[in-house]
């Protein structure tokens, strides 16, 4: 079991980012994470030529740093890294324009679930991962159909062009709101923490 990373929040966040930098990135479609508590991040790894060839040009809104995996797109925590990677694979496979092989994941084992939650909070504050911002909310890892109800509105993440097969269609107003929210999130200054 890894030794807990302790210290005041800013130093601890620096140490967590450093630990992520030393951790091997794995493609989401083949990732094998520990069946233990983890703090983790996901990133995109998509070549712009691939986007054009596949007709997925709308993903260019993410810009080079996010598309090439220089910055994390999502930060999370889980009681079981293995189980969470599997749920993310299923979730991404349901997307209209993303595939599990388009993402990488890296995780830092934590001694307890509480430690993984604290690590997630610190990493989110430091990395400013776009899919963690409420204006792009909805990516998550909930099981398909887990708490879905008839008449549920699409999440901003789905309305922004990623629409999962089970998600309801967004209205034009919902799409515009999601795209404007994405523009705000994706054009904010780089947090300076490249992975």
C-alpha atoms as a PDB file:
ATOM      1  CA  UNK A   1       0.000   0.000   0.000  1.00  0.00           C
ATOM      2  CA  UNK A   2       1.351   3.443  -0.860  1.00  0.00           C
ATOM      3  CA  UNK A   3       2.304   5.796   1.934  1.00  0.00           C
ATOM      4  CA  UNK A   4      -0.206   8.636   2.270  1.00  0.00           C
ATOM      5  CA  UNK A   5       0.923  11.965   0.870  1.00  0.00           C
ATOM      6  CA  UNK A   6       0.496  14.405   3.749  1.00  0.00           C
ATOM      7  CA  UNK A   7       1.040  18.121   4.192  1.00  0.00           C
ATOM      8  CA  UNK A   8      -0.618  21.475   3.773  1.00  0.00           C
ATOM      9  CA  UNK A   9      -3.022  21.689   0.787  1.00  0.00           C
ATOM     10  CA  UNK A  10      -0.849  23.592  -1.723  1.00  0.00           C
ATOM     11  CA  UNK A  11       2.207  21.396  -1.155  1.00  0.00           C
ATOM     12  CA  UNK A  12       0.009  18.318  -1.137  1.00  0.00           C
ATOM     13  CA  UNK A  13      -1.588  19.325  -4.464  1.00  0.00           C
ATOM     14  CA  UNK A  14       1.906  19.834  -5.939  1.00  0.00           C
ATOM     15  CA  UNK A  15       2.944  16.383  -4.732  1.00  0.00           C
ATOM     16  CA  UNK A  16      -0.207  14.792  -6.163  1.00  0.00           C
ATOM     17  CA  UNK A  17       0.410  16.389  -9.572  1.00  0.00           C
ATOM     18  CA  UNK A  18       4.037  15.204  -9.421  1.00  0.00           C
ATOM     19  CA  UNK A  19       2.835  11.685  -8.577  1.00  0.00           C
ATOM     20  CA  UNK A  20       0.460  11.740 -11.568  1.00  0.00           C
ATOM     21  CA  UNK A  21       3.326  12.825 -13.818  1.00  0.00           C
ATOM     22  CA  UNK A  22       5.305   9.772 -12.681  1.00  0.00           C
ATOM     23  CA  UNK A  23       2.354   7.426 -13.184  1.00  0.00           C
ATOM     24  CA  UNK A  24       2.003   5.470 -16.399  1.00  0.00           C
ATOM     25  CA  UNK A  25      -0.836   6.579 -18.632  1.00  0.00           C
ATOM     26  CA  UNK A  26      -2.972   3.739 -19.907  1.00  0.00           C
ATOM     27  CA  UNK A  27      -5.446   3.790 -22.772  1.00  0.00           C
ATOM     28  CA  UNK A  28      -8.924   3.657 -21.271  1.00  0.00           C
ATOM     29  CA  UNK A  29     -10.005   0.771 -23.512  1.00  0.00           C
ATOM     30  CA  UNK A  30      -7.271  -1.524 -22.101  1.00  0.00           C
ATOM     31  CA  UNK A  31      -6.513   0.054 -18.692  1.00  0.00           C
ATOM     32  CA  UNK A  32      -5.963  -2.182 -15.696  1.00  0.00           C
ATOM     33  CA  UNK A  33      -6.210  -0.197 -12.471  1.00  0.00           C
ATOM     34  CA  UNK A  34      -5.915  -1.503  -8.908  1.00  0.00           C
ATOM     35  CA  UNK A  35      -8.995  -2.743  -7.103  1.00  0.00           C
ATOM     36  CA  UNK A  36      -8.250  -0.176  -4.388  1.00  0.00           C
ATOM     37  CA  UNK A  37      -9.078   3.479  -3.659  1.00  0.00           C
ATOM     38  CA  UNK A  38      -7.580   5.828  -6.241  1.00  0.00           C
ATOM     39  CA  UNK A  39      -7.526   9.438  -7.331  1.00  0.00           C
ATOM     40  CA  UNK A  40      -7.273   9.553 -11.112  1.00  0.00           C
ATOM     41  CA  UNK A  41      -7.427  11.738 -14.154  1.00  0.00           C
ATOM     42  CA  UNK A  42      -8.529  11.186 -17.709  1.00  0.00           C
ATOM     43  CA  UNK A  43      -7.181  12.889 -20.788  1.00  0.00           C
ATOM     44  CA  UNK A  44      -7.904  12.867 -24.483  1.00  0.00           C
ATOM     45  CA  UNK A  45      -5.356  11.567 -26.978  1.00  0.00           C
ATOM     46  CA  UNK A  46      -6.755  12.295 -30.414  1.00  0.00           C
ATOM     47  CA  UNK A  47      -4.783  13.365 -33.461  1.00  0.00           C
ATOM     48  CA  UNK A  48      -6.472  16.158 -35.457  1.00  0.00           C
ATOM     49  CA  UNK A  49      -6.069  14.121 -38.668  1.00  0.00           C
ATOM     50  CA  UNK A  50      -8.041  11.315 -37.023  1.00  0.00           C
ATOM     51  CA  UNK A  51     -10.843  13.747 -36.146  1.00  0.00           C
ATOM     52  CA  UNK A  52     -11.110  14.967 -39.735  1.00  0.00           C
ATOM     53  CA  UNK A  53     -10.949  11.443 -41.155  1.00  0.00           C
ATOM     54  CA  UNK A  54     -13.652  10.230 -38.740  1.00  0.00           C
ATOM     55  CA  UNK A  55     -15.868  13.287 -39.273  1.00  0.00           C
ATOM     56  CA  UNK A  56     -15.573  14.301 -35.597  1.00  0.00           C
ATOM     57  CA  UNK A  57     -14.492  17.901 -36.230  1.00  0.00           C
ATOM     58  CA  UNK A  58     -16.714  19.217 -33.425  1.00  0.00           C
ATOM     59  CA  UNK A  59     -14.140  17.899 -30.941  1.00  0.00           C
ATOM     60  CA  UNK A  60     -11.690  20.557 -32.152  1.00  0.00           C
ATOM     61  CA  UNK A  61     -13.383  22.915 -29.658  1.00  0.00           C
ATOM     62  CA  UNK A  62     -11.159  21.322 -27.018  1.00  0.00           C
ATOM     63  CA  UNK A  63      -7.982  22.726 -28.537  1.00  0.00           C
ATOM     64  CA  UNK A  64      -4.570  21.148 -28.921  1.00  0.00           C
ATOM     65  CA  UNK A  65      -3.606  20.935 -25.217  1.00  0.00           C
ATOM     66  CA  UNK A  66      -6.696  18.928 -24.342  1.00  0.00           C
ATOM     67  CA  UNK A  67      -6.936  16.877 -27.553  1.00  0.00           C
ATOM     68  CA  UNK A  68      -3.307  15.741 -27.337  1.00  0.00           C
ATOM     69  CA  UNK A  69      -3.510  14.893 -23.645  1.00  0.00           C
ATOM     70  CA  UNK A  70      -1.228  17.649 -22.381  1.00  0.00           C
ATOM     71  CA  UNK A  71      -3.948  18.604 -19.882  1.00  0.00           C
ATOM     72  CA  UNK A  72      -6.362  16.420 -17.942  1.00  0.00           C
ATOM     73  CA  UNK A  73      -9.966  16.618 -19.135  1.00  0.00           C
ATOM     74  CA  UNK A  74     -11.474  14.967 -16.013  1.00  0.00           C
ATOM     75  CA  UNK A  75     -10.392  14.282 -12.427  1.00  0.00           C
ATOM     76  CA  UNK A  76     -12.102  11.773 -10.178  1.00  0.00           C
ATOM     77  CA  UNK A  77     -11.789   9.346  -7.304  1.00  0.00           C
ATOM     78  CA  UNK A  78     -13.054   5.843  -6.722  1.00  0.00           C
ATOM     79  CA  UNK A  79     -13.176   3.141  -4.072  1.00  0.00           C
ATOM     80  CA  UNK A  80     -12.008   0.747  -6.830  1.00  0.00           C
ATOM     81  CA  UNK A  81      -9.919   1.997  -9.732  1.00  0.00           C
ATOM     82  CA  UNK A  82     -10.659  -1.169 -11.695  1.00  0.00           C
ATOM     83  CA  UNK A  83     -14.414  -0.816 -11.379  1.00  0.00           C
ATOM     84  CA  UNK A  84     -14.342   2.905 -12.209  1.00  0.00           C
ATOM     85  CA  UNK A  85     -12.236   2.441 -15.350  1.00  0.00           C
ATOM     86  CA  UNK A  86     -14.784  -0.162 -16.512  1.00  0.00           C
ATOM     87  CA  UNK A  87     -17.699   2.225 -15.928  1.00  0.00           C
ATOM     88  CA  UNK A  88     -15.923   5.009 -17.810  1.00  0.00           C
ATOM     89  CA  UNK A  89     -15.285   2.614 -20.733  1.00  0.00           C
ATOM     90  CA  UNK A  90     -19.001   1.816 -20.943  1.00  0.00           C
ATOM     91  CA  UNK A  91     -19.996   5.480 -20.595  1.00  0.00           C
ATOM     92  CA  UNK A  92     -17.595   6.714 -23.286  1.00  0.00           C
ATOM     93  CA  UNK A  93     -18.586   3.894 -25.652  1.00  0.00           C
ATOM     94  CA  UNK A  94     -22.148   5.292 -25.551  1.00  0.00           C
ATOM     95  CA  UNK A  95     -20.964   8.714 -26.790  1.00  0.00           C
ATOM     96  CA  UNK A  96     -21.715   9.864 -30.319  1.00  0.00           C
ATOM     97  CA  UNK A  97     -18.184  11.131 -30.977  1.00  0.00           C
ATOM     98  CA  UNK A  98     -15.801   9.576 -28.422  1.00  0.00           C
ATOM     99  CA  UNK A  99     -14.378   6.082 -28.145  1.00  0.00           C
ATOM    100  CA  UNK A 100     -12.634   4.459 -25.161  1.00  0.00           C
ATOM    101  CA  UNK A 101      -9.364   4.359 -27.145  1.00  0.00           C
ATOM    102  CA  UNK A 102      -9.525   8.185 -27.435  1.00  0.00           C
ATOM    103  CA  UNK A 103      -8.839   8.594 -23.717  1.00  0.00           C
ATOM    104  CA  UNK A 104      -5.997   7.829 -21.336  1.00  0.00           C
ATOM    105  CA  UNK A 105      -6.258   7.316 -17.594  1.00  0.00           C
ATOM    106  CA  UNK A 106      -3.682   7.445 -14.834  1.00  0.00           C
ATOM    107  CA  UNK A 107      -4.332   6.782 -11.178  1.00  0.00           C
ATOM    108  CA  UNK A 108      -2.615   7.202  -7.836  1.00  0.00           C
ATOM    109  CA  UNK A 109      -3.473   4.590  -5.220  1.00  0.00           C
ATOM    110  CA  UNK A 110      -4.711   6.042  -1.953  1.00  0.00           C
ATOM    111  CA  UNK A 111      -4.798   4.406   1.493  1.00  0.00           C
ATOM    112  CA  UNK A 112      -8.527   5.055   2.037  1.00  0.00           C
ATOM    113  CA  UNK A 113     -11.603   6.247   0.169  1.00  0.00           C
ATOM    114  CA  UNK A 114     -11.503   9.420   2.279  1.00  0.00           C
ATOM    115  CA  UNK A 115      -7.928  10.092   1.160  1.00  0.00           C
ATOM    116  CA  UNK A 116      -8.951   9.549  -2.461  1.00  0.00           C
ATOM    117  CA  UNK A 117     -11.793  12.084  -2.081  1.00  0.00           C
ATOM    118  CA  UNK A 118      -9.416  14.659  -0.608  1.00  0.00           C
ATOM    119  CA  UNK A 119      -6.860  13.996  -3.363  1.00  0.00           C
ATOM    120  CA  UNK A 120      -9.605  14.432  -5.996  1.00  0.00           C
ATOM    121  CA  UNK A 121     -10.633  17.779  -4.503  1.00  0.00           C
ATOM    122  CA  UNK A 122      -7.048  19.055  -4.488  1.00  0.00           C
ATOM    123  CA  UNK A 123      -6.367  17.822  -8.026  1.00  0.00           C
ATOM    124  CA  UNK A 124      -9.560  19.399  -9.359  1.00  0.00           C
ATOM    125  CA  UNK A 125      -8.542  22.712  -7.840  1.00  0.00           C
ATOM    126  CA  UNK A 126      -5.075  22.486  -9.357  1.00  0.00           C
ATOM    127  CA  UNK A 127      -5.779  20.974 -12.797  1.00  0.00           C
ATOM    128  CA  UNK A 128      -9.094  22.735 -13.572  1.00  0.00           C
ATOM    129  CA  UNK A 129     -10.268  19.766 -15.629  1.00  0.00           C
ATOM    130  CA  UNK A 130     -13.047  20.988 -17.977  1.00  0.00           C
ATOM    131  CA  UNK A 131     -15.400  18.030 -17.544  1.00  0.00           C
ATOM    132  CA  UNK A 132     -15.418  18.701 -13.771  1.00  0.00           C
ATOM    133  CA  UNK A 133     -16.770  22.224 -14.285  1.00  0.00           C
ATOM    134  CA  UNK A 134     -20.548  22.492 -13.659  1.00  0.00           C
ATOM    135  CA  UNK A 135     -20.993  24.200 -17.056  1.00  0.00           C
ATOM    136  CA  UNK A 136     -19.910  20.929 -18.706  1.00  0.00           C
ATOM    137  CA  UNK A 137     -21.370  18.613 -16.079  1.00  0.00           C
ATOM    138  CA  UNK A 138     -22.686  15.192 -16.952  1.00  0.00           C
ATOM    139  CA  UNK A 139     -19.677  13.113 -18.001  1.00  0.00           C
ATOM    140  CA  UNK A 140     -19.313  11.189 -14.733  1.00  0.00           C
ATOM    141  CA  UNK A 141     -19.434   7.446 -14.410  1.00  0.00           C
ATOM    142  CA  UNK A 142     -22.988   6.593 -13.452  1.00  0.00           C
ATOM    143  CA  UNK A 143     -24.146   3.299 -14.882  1.00  0.00           C
ATOM    144  CA  UNK A 144     -26.231   3.642 -18.032  1.00  0.00           C
ATOM    145  CA  UNK A 145     -29.818   4.177 -17.026  1.00  0.00           C
ATOM    146  CA  UNK A 146     -28.767   4.233 -13.345  1.00  0.00           C
ATOM    147  CA  UNK A 147     -30.966   7.127 -12.202  1.00  0.00           C
ATOM    148  CA  UNK A 148     -32.447   8.193 -15.508  1.00  0.00           C
ATOM    149  CA  UNK A 149     -36.119   9.137 -15.595  1.00  0.00           C
ATOM    150  CA  UNK A 150     -38.615   9.819 -18.337  1.00  0.00           C
ATOM    151  CA  UNK A 151     -38.490  13.496 -19.216  1.00  0.00           C
ATOM    152  CA  UNK A 152     -34.960  13.978 -17.862  1.00  0.00           C
ATOM    153  CA  UNK A 153     -33.133  16.771 -19.684  1.00  0.00           C
ATOM    154  CA  UNK A 154     -29.768  16.080 -21.319  1.00  0.00           C
ATOM    155  CA  UNK A 155     -26.695  17.061 -19.340  1.00  0.00           C
ATOM    156  CA  UNK A 156     -24.549  19.951 -20.598  1.00  0.00           C
ATOM    157  CA  UNK A 157     -21.915  17.348 -21.558  1.00  0.00           C
ATOM    158  CA  UNK A 158     -24.424  15.505 -23.754  1.00  0.00           C
ATOM    159  CA  UNK A 159     -25.918  18.720 -25.167  1.00  0.00           C
ATOM    160  CA  UNK A 160     -22.435  19.915 -26.163  1.00  0.00           C
ATOM    161  CA  UNK A 161     -22.220  17.291 -28.902  1.00  0.00           C
ATOM    162  CA  UNK A 162     -21.233  14.094 -27.086  1.00  0.00           C
ATOM    163  CA  UNK A 163     -24.797  12.822 -26.837  1.00  0.00           C
ATOM    164  CA  UNK A 164     -24.804   9.293 -25.471  1.00  0.00           C
ATOM    165  CA  UNK A 165     -27.259   6.916 -27.122  1.00  0.00           C
ATOM    166  CA  UNK A 166     -29.563   6.833 -24.114  1.00  0.00           C
ATOM    167  CA  UNK A 167     -29.518  10.618 -23.513  1.00  0.00           C
ATOM    168  CA  UNK A 168     -32.553  12.617 -24.611  1.00  0.00           C
ATOM    169  CA  UNK A 169     -32.071  15.013 -27.510  1.00  0.00           C
ATOM    170  CA  UNK A 170     -31.217  18.545 -26.452  1.00  0.00           C
ATOM    171  CA  UNK A 171     -33.325  21.481 -27.518  1.00  0.00           C
ATOM    172  CA  UNK A 172     -31.602  24.243 -29.484  1.00  0.00           C
ATOM    173  CA  UNK A 173     -31.644  26.396 -26.331  1.00  0.00           C
ATOM    174  CA  UNK A 174     -29.958  23.612 -24.322  1.00  0.00           C
ATOM    175  CA  UNK A 175     -27.319  23.127 -27.030  1.00  0.00           C
ATOM    176  CA  UNK A 176     -26.570  26.855 -27.197  1.00  0.00           C
ATOM    177  CA  UNK A 177     -26.339  27.083 -23.391  1.00  0.00           C
ATOM    178  CA  UNK A 178     -24.000  24.066 -23.282  1.00  0.00           C
ATOM    179  CA  UNK A 179     -21.800  25.390 -26.086  1.00  0.00           C
ATOM    180  CA  UNK A 180     -21.562  28.833 -24.458  1.00  0.00           C
ATOM    181  CA  UNK A 181     -20.688  27.174 -21.135  1.00  0.00           C
ATOM    182  CA  UNK A 182     -18.047  25.098 -22.898  1.00  0.00           C
ATOM    183  CA  UNK A 183     -16.615  28.226 -24.515  1.00  0.00           C
ATOM    184  CA  UNK A 184     -16.205  29.855 -21.096  1.00  0.00           C
ATOM    185  CA  UNK A 185     -14.603  26.742 -19.577  1.00  0.00           C
ATOM    186  CA  UNK A 186     -12.348  25.962 -22.515  1.00  0.00           C
ATOM    187  CA  UNK A 187     -11.033  29.501 -22.967  1.00  0.00           C
ATOM    188  CA  UNK A 188     -10.040  30.153 -19.360  1.00  0.00           C
ATOM    189  CA  UNK A 189      -6.328  30.451 -18.677  1.00  0.00           C
ATOM    190  CA  UNK A 190      -4.231  27.299 -18.642  1.00  0.00           C
ATOM    191  CA  UNK A 191      -3.736  26.249 -14.995  1.00  0.00           C
ATOM    192  CA  UNK A 192      -0.051  25.695 -15.725  1.00  0.00           C
ATOM    193  CA  UNK A 193      -0.164  22.035 -14.750  1.00  0.00           C
ATOM    194  CA  UNK A 194       0.595  19.988 -17.824  1.00  0.00           C
ATOM    195  CA  UNK A 195       0.441  16.231 -17.421  1.00  0.00           C
END
